């Protein structure tokens, strides 16, 4: 069994990199020169790579993509939940519109100089205090628990919307196929 081994070596001239490449290219399954990752440097990468069937490579790629999408979805659910809880807390505190915006920005961890409504420096001490109160509210364990609970709710709502959307797409696809079989004009479904 061959192991996945990958090596790199940098050279300060293209001739030295080429000579090294020629010397090792017959000993390894793959060897490649990466020309100049930095000025005046030539990098040679080489190693033995285990051959995998295309089906296994495809399966691994799909698994990686699903894991990445799941991580992105979880992150988006968490961000939406955090924003929802921040809005609820700002409403409970009966803050003015500007104070609420900075409270939410602080709760969400935005940079105080680049919040959606502008810099805290433009709005004075009330904005600074609201921003700090938002950051402090995020540090509260109860707030973090509320965000976790809200994330579950946001995820559930999102999954329900996706089911409805998938059902509609399926119905439109069936309708388009039926019309096509009857000779009607085709309906394109994305």
C-alpha atoms as a PDB file:
ATOM      1  CA  UNK A   1       0.000   0.000   0.000  1.00  0.00           C
ATOM      2  CA  UNK A   2       1.320   3.406  -0.948  1.00  0.00           C
ATOM      3  CA  UNK A   3       0.961   6.305   1.462  1.00  0.00           C
ATOM      4  CA  UNK A   4       0.137   9.898   0.612  1.00  0.00           C
ATOM      5  CA  UNK A   5       3.461  11.669   0.998  1.00  0.00           C
ATOM      6  CA  UNK A   6       4.028  15.203  -0.183  1.00  0.00           C
ATOM      7  CA  UNK A   7       7.289  17.149  -0.058  1.00  0.00           C
ATOM      8  CA  UNK A   8       8.321  20.613  -1.166  1.00  0.00           C
ATOM      9  CA  UNK A   9      11.705  22.183  -1.725  1.00  0.00           C
ATOM     10  CA  UNK A  10      12.552  25.736  -2.755  1.00  0.00           C
ATOM     11  CA  UNK A  11      15.355  26.737  -5.122  1.00  0.00           C
ATOM     12  CA  UNK A  12      16.861  30.104  -5.961  1.00  0.00           C
ATOM     13  CA  UNK A  13      17.333  29.387  -9.681  1.00  0.00           C
ATOM     14  CA  UNK A  14      15.150  27.771 -12.289  1.00  0.00           C
ATOM     15  CA  UNK A  15      18.075  25.595 -13.486  1.00  0.00           C
ATOM     16  CA  UNK A  16      18.522  24.044 -10.035  1.00  0.00           C
ATOM     17  CA  UNK A  17      14.759  23.436  -9.755  1.00  0.00           C
ATOM     18  CA  UNK A  18      14.656  21.830 -13.213  1.00  0.00           C
ATOM     19  CA  UNK A  19      17.647  19.607 -12.435  1.00  0.00           C
ATOM     20  CA  UNK A  20      16.090  18.466  -9.148  1.00  0.00           C
ATOM     21  CA  UNK A  21      12.750  17.870 -10.881  1.00  0.00           C
ATOM     22  CA  UNK A  22      14.402  15.695 -13.574  1.00  0.00           C
ATOM     23  CA  UNK A  23      16.305  13.733 -10.912  1.00  0.00           C
ATOM     24  CA  UNK A  24      13.185  12.830  -8.894  1.00  0.00           C
ATOM     25  CA  UNK A  25      10.465  12.646 -11.549  1.00  0.00           C
ATOM     26  CA  UNK A  26      11.024   8.946 -12.264  1.00  0.00           C
ATOM     27  CA  UNK A  27      10.999   7.962  -8.560  1.00  0.00           C
ATOM     28  CA  UNK A  28       7.620   9.460  -7.676  1.00  0.00           C
ATOM     29  CA  UNK A  29       4.155   9.303  -9.172  1.00  0.00           C
ATOM     30  CA  UNK A  30       3.835  13.070  -9.239  1.00  0.00           C
ATOM     31  CA  UNK A  31       6.315  15.899  -9.284  1.00  0.00           C
ATOM     32  CA  UNK A  32       5.614  19.467 -10.285  1.00  0.00           C
ATOM     33  CA  UNK A  33       7.469  22.766 -10.315  1.00  0.00           C
ATOM     34  CA  UNK A  34       5.599  25.747  -9.018  1.00  0.00           C
ATOM     35  CA  UNK A  35       7.345  28.683 -10.572  1.00  0.00           C
ATOM     36  CA  UNK A  36       8.030  31.567  -8.264  1.00  0.00           C
ATOM     37  CA  UNK A  37       5.629  31.524  -5.307  1.00  0.00           C
ATOM     38  CA  UNK A  38       7.805  34.475  -4.290  1.00  0.00           C
ATOM     39  CA  UNK A  39      10.208  36.551  -6.360  1.00  0.00           C
ATOM     40  CA  UNK A  40      13.345  34.598  -7.178  1.00  0.00           C
ATOM     41  CA  UNK A  41      12.115  31.282  -5.727  1.00  0.00           C
ATOM     42  CA  UNK A  42      11.145  28.123  -7.634  1.00  0.00           C
ATOM     43  CA  UNK A  43       9.278  25.466  -5.671  1.00  0.00           C
ATOM     44  CA  UNK A  44       9.261  21.769  -6.516  1.00  0.00           C
ATOM     45  CA  UNK A  45       6.497  19.636  -5.004  1.00  0.00           C
ATOM     46  CA  UNK A  46       6.701  15.859  -5.209  1.00  0.00           C
ATOM     47  CA  UNK A  47       5.368  12.740  -3.576  1.00  0.00           C
ATOM     48  CA  UNK A  48       3.620   9.421  -3.853  1.00  0.00           C
ATOM     49  CA  UNK A  49      -0.120   9.561  -4.116  1.00  0.00           C
ATOM     50  CA  UNK A  50      -2.430   6.663  -3.583  1.00  0.00           C
ATOM     51  CA  UNK A  51      -4.566   5.994  -6.618  1.00  0.00           C
ATOM     52  CA  UNK A  52      -8.265   6.016  -5.827  1.00  0.00           C
ATOM     53  CA  UNK A  53     -11.135   4.943  -8.053  1.00  0.00           C
ATOM     54  CA  UNK A  54     -13.067   7.845  -9.536  1.00  0.00           C
ATOM     55  CA  UNK A  55     -16.174   6.772  -7.608  1.00  0.00           C
ATOM     56  CA  UNK A  56     -14.313   7.083  -4.305  1.00  0.00           C
ATOM     57  CA  UNK A  57     -12.891  10.488  -5.280  1.00  0.00           C
ATOM     58  CA  UNK A  58     -16.387  11.639  -6.274  1.00  0.00           C
ATOM     59  CA  UNK A  59     -17.886  10.324  -3.034  1.00  0.00           C
ATOM     60  CA  UNK A  60     -15.217  12.064  -0.939  1.00  0.00           C
ATOM     61  CA  UNK A  61     -15.767  15.320  -2.822  1.00  0.00           C
ATOM     62  CA  UNK A  62     -19.541  15.122  -2.252  1.00  0.00           C
ATOM     63  CA  UNK A  63     -18.993  14.359   1.450  1.00  0.00           C
ATOM     64  CA  UNK A  64     -16.650  17.351   1.807  1.00  0.00           C
ATOM     65  CA  UNK A  65     -19.116  19.622   0.009  1.00  0.00           C
ATOM     66  CA  UNK A  66     -21.993  18.457   2.230  1.00  0.00           C
ATOM     67  CA  UNK A  67     -19.915  19.047   5.372  1.00  0.00           C
ATOM     68  CA  UNK A  68     -18.956  22.539   4.159  1.00  0.00           C
ATOM     69  CA  UNK A  69     -22.574  23.368   3.328  1.00  0.00           C
ATOM     70  CA  UNK A  70     -23.733  22.074   6.714  1.00  0.00           C
ATOM     71  CA  UNK A  71     -21.130  24.211   8.473  1.00  0.00           C
ATOM     72  CA  UNK A  72     -22.177  27.280   6.469  1.00  0.00           C
ATOM     73  CA  UNK A  73     -25.847  26.600   7.187  1.00  0.00           C
ATOM     74  CA  UNK A  74     -25.165  26.230  10.905  1.00  0.00           C
ATOM     75  CA  UNK A  75     -23.203  29.474  10.886  1.00  0.00           C
ATOM     76  CA  UNK A  76     -26.003  31.301   9.061  1.00  0.00           C
ATOM     77  CA  UNK A  77     -28.603  29.895  11.494  1.00  0.00           C
ATOM     78  CA  UNK A  78     -26.474  31.030  14.430  1.00  0.00           C
ATOM     79  CA  UNK A  79     -26.012  34.526  12.961  1.00  0.00           C
ATOM     80  CA  UNK A  80     -29.731  34.905  12.257  1.00  0.00           C
ATOM     81  CA  UNK A  81     -30.588  33.661  15.753  1.00  0.00           C
ATOM     82  CA  UNK A  82     -28.091  36.040  17.351  1.00  0.00           C
ATOM     83  CA  UNK A  83     -29.568  38.947  15.397  1.00  0.00           C
ATOM     84  CA  UNK A  84     -33.138  37.941  16.353  1.00  0.00           C
ATOM     85  CA  UNK A  85     -32.268  37.761  20.056  1.00  0.00           C
ATOM     86  CA  UNK A  86     -30.461  41.111  19.883  1.00  0.00           C
ATOM     87  CA  UNK A  87     -33.543  42.719  18.329  1.00  0.00           C
ATOM     88  CA  UNK A  88     -35.799  41.197  21.007  1.00  0.00           C
ATOM     89  CA  UNK A  89     -33.528  42.447  23.808  1.00  0.00           C
ATOM     90  CA  UNK A  90     -33.360  45.936  22.289  1.00  0.00           C
ATOM     91  CA  UNK A  91     -37.173  46.034  22.124  1.00  0.00           C
ATOM     92  CA  UNK A  92     -37.441  44.895  25.753  1.00  0.00           C
ATOM     93  CA  UNK A  93     -35.070  47.684  26.800  1.00  0.00           C
ATOM     94  CA  UNK A  94     -37.184  50.227  24.842  1.00  0.00           C
ATOM     95  CA  UNK A  95     -34.145  51.822  23.231  1.00  0.00           C
ATOM     96  CA  UNK A  96     -34.339  54.601  20.671  1.00  0.00           C
ATOM     97  CA  UNK A  97     -33.804  53.596  17.046  1.00  0.00           C
ATOM     98  CA  UNK A  98     -30.130  54.633  16.996  1.00  0.00           C
ATOM     99  CA  UNK A  99     -29.405  53.138  20.416  1.00  0.00           C
ATOM    100  CA  UNK A 100     -31.092  49.887  19.365  1.00  0.00           C
ATOM    101  CA  UNK A 101     -28.998  49.740  16.194  1.00  0.00           C
ATOM    102  CA  UNK A 102     -25.778  50.113  18.187  1.00  0.00           C
ATOM    103  CA  UNK A 103     -26.958  47.710  20.884  1.00  0.00           C
ATOM    104  CA  UNK A 104     -27.606  45.106  18.168  1.00  0.00           C
ATOM    105  CA  UNK A 105     -24.227  45.833  16.556  1.00  0.00           C
ATOM    106  CA  UNK A 106     -22.495  45.332  19.919  1.00  0.00           C
ATOM    107  CA  UNK A 107     -24.437  42.151  20.621  1.00  0.00           C
ATOM    108  CA  UNK A 108     -23.537  40.777  17.176  1.00  0.00           C
ATOM    109  CA  UNK A 109     -19.855  41.605  17.632  1.00  0.00           C
ATOM    110  CA  UNK A 110     -19.617  44.185  14.843  1.00  0.00           C
ATOM    111  CA  UNK A 111     -16.725  46.627  14.822  1.00  0.00           C
ATOM    112  CA  UNK A 112     -17.959  49.830  16.535  1.00  0.00           C
ATOM    113  CA  UNK A 113     -16.504  51.970  13.745  1.00  0.00           C
ATOM    114  CA  UNK A 114     -18.151  49.967  10.957  1.00  0.00           C
ATOM    115  CA  UNK A 115     -21.653  49.122  12.137  1.00  0.00           C
ATOM    116  CA  UNK A 116     -24.578  49.019   9.678  1.00  0.00           C
ATOM    117  CA  UNK A 117     -25.696  52.491  10.829  1.00  0.00           C
ATOM    118  CA  UNK A 118     -22.235  54.033  10.934  1.00  0.00           C
ATOM    119  CA  UNK A 119     -19.488  54.689  13.441  1.00  0.00           C
ATOM    120  CA  UNK A 120     -20.269  55.089  17.134  1.00  0.00           C
ATOM    121  CA  UNK A 121     -18.036  58.165  17.063  1.00  0.00           C
ATOM    122  CA  UNK A 122     -20.553  59.919  14.790  1.00  0.00           C
ATOM    123  CA  UNK A 123     -23.433  59.465  17.240  1.00  0.00           C
ATOM    124  CA  UNK A 124     -21.866  60.337  20.583  1.00  0.00           C
ATOM    125  CA  UNK A 125     -21.786  58.813  24.037  1.00  0.00           C
ATOM    126  CA  UNK A 126     -25.304  57.331  23.922  1.00  0.00           C
ATOM    127  CA  UNK A 127     -24.293  55.226  20.916  1.00  0.00           C
ATOM    128  CA  UNK A 128     -21.064  54.174  22.639  1.00  0.00           C
ATOM    129  CA  UNK A 129     -22.962  53.152  25.774  1.00  0.00           C
ATOM    130  CA  UNK A 130     -25.574  51.242  23.754  1.00  0.00           C
ATOM    131  CA  UNK A 131     -22.798  49.440  21.863  1.00  0.00           C
ATOM    132  CA  UNK A 132     -21.034  48.512  25.129  1.00  0.00           C
ATOM    133  CA  UNK A 133     -24.324  47.343  26.662  1.00  0.00           C
ATOM    134  CA  UNK A 134     -24.879  45.139  23.610  1.00  0.00           C
ATOM    135  CA  UNK A 135     -21.427  43.570  24.027  1.00  0.00           C
ATOM    136  CA  UNK A 136     -22.120  43.056  27.732  1.00  0.00           C
ATOM    137  CA  UNK A 137     -25.494  41.486  26.970  1.00  0.00           C
ATOM    138  CA  UNK A 138     -23.800  38.998  24.643  1.00  0.00           C
ATOM    139  CA  UNK A 139     -21.464  37.937  27.463  1.00  0.00           C
ATOM    140  CA  UNK A 140     -24.471  37.005  29.621  1.00  0.00           C
ATOM    141  CA  UNK A 141     -24.987  33.224  29.779  1.00  0.00           C
ATOM    142  CA  UNK A 142     -28.763  33.606  29.517  1.00  0.00           C
ATOM    143  CA  UNK A 143     -28.407  35.569  26.262  1.00  0.00           C
ATOM    144  CA  UNK A 144     -26.212  32.861  24.806  1.00  0.00           C
ATOM    145  CA  UNK A 145     -28.753  30.223  25.817  1.00  0.00           C
ATOM    146  CA  UNK A 146     -31.501  32.266  24.133  1.00  0.00           C
ATOM    147  CA  UNK A 147     -29.408  32.385  20.954  1.00  0.00           C
ATOM    148  CA  UNK A 148     -28.974  28.594  20.971  1.00  0.00           C
ATOM    149  CA  UNK A 149     -32.721  28.098  21.421  1.00  0.00           C
ATOM    150  CA  UNK A 150     -33.466  30.620  18.670  1.00  0.00           C
ATOM    151  CA  UNK A 151     -30.977  28.890  16.342  1.00  0.00           C
ATOM    152  CA  UNK A 152     -33.004  25.679  16.595  1.00  0.00           C
ATOM    153  CA  UNK A 153     -36.154  27.620  15.724  1.00  0.00           C
ATOM    154  CA  UNK A 154     -34.472  29.382  12.776  1.00  0.00           C
ATOM    155  CA  UNK A 155     -33.173  26.055  11.459  1.00  0.00           C
ATOM    156  CA  UNK A 156     -36.625  24.469  11.713  1.00  0.00           C
ATOM    157  CA  UNK A 157     -38.238  27.365   9.822  1.00  0.00           C
ATOM    158  CA  UNK A 158     -35.559  27.209   7.141  1.00  0.00           C
ATOM    159  CA  UNK A 159     -36.012  23.473   6.630  1.00  0.00           C
ATOM    160  CA  UNK A 160     -39.783  23.918   6.322  1.00  0.00           C
ATOM    161  CA  UNK A 161     -39.323  26.653   3.703  1.00  0.00           C
ATOM    162  CA  UNK A 162     -36.896  24.435   1.776  1.00  0.00           C
ATOM    163  CA  UNK A 163     -39.383  21.541   1.787  1.00  0.00           C
ATOM    164  CA  UNK A 164     -42.105  23.805   0.394  1.00  0.00           C
ATOM    165  CA  UNK A 165     -39.720  25.157  -2.242  1.00  0.00           C
ATOM    166  CA  UNK A 166     -38.596  21.652  -3.248  1.00  0.00           C
ATOM    167  CA  UNK A 167     -42.221  20.500  -3.498  1.00  0.00           C
ATOM    168  CA  UNK A 168     -43.073  23.460  -5.738  1.00  0.00           C
ATOM    169  CA  UNK A 169     -40.057  22.801  -7.982  1.00  0.00           C
ATOM    170  CA  UNK A 170     -41.043  19.140  -8.250  1.00  0.00           C
ATOM    171  CA  UNK A 171     -44.632  20.034  -9.164  1.00  0.00           C
ATOM    172  CA  UNK A 172     -43.449  22.511 -11.819  1.00  0.00           C
ATOM    173  CA  UNK A 173     -41.041  19.936 -13.218  1.00  0.00           C
ATOM    174  CA  UNK A 174     -43.849  17.365 -13.448  1.00  0.00           C
ATOM    175  CA  UNK A 175     -46.073  19.946 -15.143  1.00  0.00           C
ATOM    176  CA  UNK A 176     -43.333  20.799 -17.634  1.00  0.00           C
ATOM    177  CA  UNK A 177     -42.779  17.109 -18.439  1.00  0.00           C
ATOM    178  CA  UNK A 178     -46.510  16.593 -18.897  1.00  0.00           C
ATOM    179  CA  UNK A 179     -46.794  19.569 -21.256  1.00  0.00           C
ATOM    180  CA  UNK A 180     -43.766  18.398 -23.200  1.00  0.00           C
ATOM    181  CA  UNK A 181     -45.325  14.935 -23.669  1.00  0.00           C
ATOM    182  CA  UNK A 182     -48.577  16.528 -24.847  1.00  0.00           C
ATOM    183  CA  UNK A 183     -46.683  18.719 -27.299  1.00  0.00           C
ATOM    184  CA  UNK A 184     -47.232  21.961 -25.444  1.00  0.00           C
ATOM    185  CA  UNK A 185     -44.625  24.641 -25.010  1.00  0.00           C
ATOM    186  CA  UNK A 186     -41.910  23.780 -22.522  1.00  0.00           C
ATOM    187  CA  UNK A 187     -41.679  25.470 -19.144  1.00  0.00           C
ATOM    188  CA  UNK A 188     -38.163  25.906 -17.841  1.00  0.00           C
ATOM    189  CA  UNK A 189     -37.607  25.121 -14.184  1.00  0.00           C
ATOM    190  CA  UNK A 190     -34.375  26.133 -12.499  1.00  0.00           C
END
